[in-house]
Amino acid sequence: MDPPLPTAVAQGLFLSQYRVENVRILQAFGPGALTVSPRVGHLHITVDDLPWTWADASDNNTVDIGGFPPGEHKVKIDLVDANHEVLNGQSVTHTFTVPPMPAKTGMGQVHMHK
């Protein structure tokens, strides 16, 4: 997994590319999928140690998350099997800081006239 792109982080976005070997990322879940060959799995993604995680089985080789406010953040990505168990310690955590957003300019004040 690559570190997030700095230009994206500056805009409150987490964009990171990944590559897996010997595992196909598929929407195949449960004990029956554990016997599929080649092995199948998906990603579990957790943001800022929140108590919930989401699964990504899209196999587009990129994790894209938007809307991070300024400050320090953490994204944990686990490669898991069809039974949601982490494969051979395949977990990465990226910590990054979104800088303060510059004040918006160019609009000025709006005046209404009758």
Protein backbone atom coordinates (compact mmCIF):
# COMPACT_ATOMS: atom_id res chain seq x y z
CA MET A 1 0.00 0.00 0.00
CA ASP A 2 1.40 3.35 -1.01
CA PRO A 3 1.31 6.30 1.37
CA PRO A 4 -1.50 8.76 0.68
CA LEU A 5 -0.84 11.35 -2.03
CA PRO A 6 0.34 14.60 -0.35
CA THR A 7 -1.49 16.82 -2.84
CA ALA A 8 -4.75 15.04 -2.02
CA VAL A 9 -4.15 15.17 1.76
CA ALA A 10 -3.76 18.96 1.46
CA GLN A 11 -7.37 18.98 0.20
CA GLY A 12 -8.74 16.67 2.91
CA LEU A 13 -8.59 13.53 0.74
CA PHE A 14 -6.98 10.14 1.37
CA LEU A 15 -5.94 8.53 -1.93
CA SER A 16 -3.70 5.47 -1.78
CA GLN A 17 -3.00 2.73 -4.30
CA TYR A 18 -2.46 -0.89 -3.35
CA ARG A 19 -1.46 -4.18 -4.93
CA VAL A 20 -2.12 -7.68 -3.61
CA GLU A 21 -0.49 -10.96 -4.59
CA ASN A 22 -1.88 -14.49 -4.33
CA VAL A 23 -5.32 -13.17 -3.36
CA ARG A 24 -8.20 -12.11 -5.61
CA ILE A 25 -10.29 -9.23 -4.28
CA LEU A 26 -13.88 -10.41 -4.72
CA GLN A 27 -17.32 -10.13 -3.18
CA ALA A 28 -17.17 -13.65 -1.77
CA PHE A 29 -17.92 -14.04 1.92
CA GLY A 30 -18.35 -16.80 4.49
CA PRO A 31 -16.87 -20.21 5.25
CA GLY A 32 -17.68 -21.65 1.81
CA ALA A 33 -15.54 -19.01 0.11
CA LEU A 34 -12.51 -20.09 2.15
CA THR A 35 -12.09 -23.13 -0.12
CA VAL A 36 -11.96 -21.14 -3.39
CA SER A 37 -8.70 -21.28 -5.31
CA PRO A 38 -6.96 -18.98 -5.87
CA ARG A 39 -7.65 -17.50 -2.44
CA VAL A 40 -10.19 -14.64 -2.26
CA GLY A 41 -10.44 -11.72 0.13
CA HIS A 42 -11.32 -8.08 0.52
CA LEU A 43 -10.23 -5.01 2.47
CA HIS A 44 -11.44 -3.80 5.84
CA ILE A 45 -10.97 -0.04 6.27
CA THR A 46 -11.09 1.81 9.60
CA VAL A 47 -10.78 5.59 9.94
CA ASP A 48 -9.54 7.40 13.06
CA ASP A 49 -10.10 4.37 15.34
CA LEU A 50 -13.86 4.69 14.95
CA PRO A 51 -15.82 1.67 16.22
CA TRP A 52 -17.03 0.72 12.74
CA THR A 53 -15.25 -0.63 9.67
CA TRP A 54 -16.33 -1.01 6.09
CA ALA A 55 -15.45 -3.71 3.60
CA ASP A 56 -14.16 -2.94 0.11
CA ALA A 57 -14.32 -5.78 -2.41
CA SER A 58 -14.12 -3.57 -5.52
CA ASP A 59 -10.59 -4.55 -6.65
CA ASN A 60 -9.93 -1.12 -8.17
CA ASN A 61 -6.51 -0.98 -6.46
CA THR A 62 -7.19 2.40 -4.85
CA VAL A 63 -8.62 3.46 -1.51
CA ASP A 64 -10.28 6.88 -1.83
CA ILE A 65 -11.77 8.65 1.20
CA GLY A 66 -12.84 12.29 1.19
CA GLY A 67 -13.97 14.95 3.59
CA PHE A 68 -11.22 14.87 6.22
CA PRO A 69 -11.20 18.07 8.28
CA PRO A 70 -7.90 19.74 9.19
CA GLY A 71 -5.90 17.83 11.80
CA GLU A 72 -4.26 14.44 12.31
CA HIS A 73 -6.00 11.33 10.96
CA LYS A 74 -5.37 7.61 10.69
CA VAL A 75 -6.55 5.09 8.09
CA LYS A 76 -6.05 1.38 8.82
CA ILE A 77 -6.42 -1.09 5.96
CA ASP A 78 -6.50 -4.85 6.54
CA LEU A 79 -6.40 -7.53 3.84
CA VAL A 80 -8.84 -10.16 5.08
CA ASP A 81 -10.09 -13.54 3.92
CA ALA A 82 -13.71 -14.38 3.08
CA ASN A 83 -14.34 -14.98 6.80
CA HIS A 84 -13.05 -11.48 7.70
CA GLU A 85 -9.80 -12.72 9.31
CA VAL A 86 -6.63 -10.69 8.60
CA LEU A 87 -4.38 -12.60 6.19
CA ASN A 88 -0.85 -13.25 7.51
CA GLY A 89 -0.55 -9.90 9.27
CA GLN A 90 -1.43 -7.98 6.12
CA SER A 91 -2.38 -4.70 7.74
CA VAL A 92 -1.13 -1.17 7.18
CA THR A 93 -1.90 2.06 9.01
CA HIS A 94 -1.26 5.48 7.50
CA THR A 95 -1.20 8.52 9.77
CA PHE A 96 -1.37 11.90 8.08
CA THR A 97 -2.18 15.52 8.85
CA VAL A 98 -4.57 17.63 6.83
CA PRO A 99 -3.33 21.23 6.99
CA PRO A 100 -5.65 24.12 7.86
CA MET A 101 -7.69 25.10 4.84
CA PRO A 102 -6.96 28.57 3.45
CA ALA A 103 -9.71 31.14 3.78
CA LYS A 104 -11.89 31.26 0.69
CA THR A 105 -11.36 34.42 -1.30
CA GLY A 106 -12.53 35.87 -4.55
CA MET A 107 -16.24 36.13 -3.77
CA GLY A 108 -16.00 39.24 -1.61
CA GLN A 109 -19.19 40.58 -0.13
CA VAL A 110 -22.50 40.27 -1.88
CA HIS A 111 -24.64 43.42 -1.97
CA MET A 112 -28.29 43.38 -2.90
CA HIS A 113 -29.80 46.45 -4.58
CA LYS A 114 -33.43 47.27 -5.18
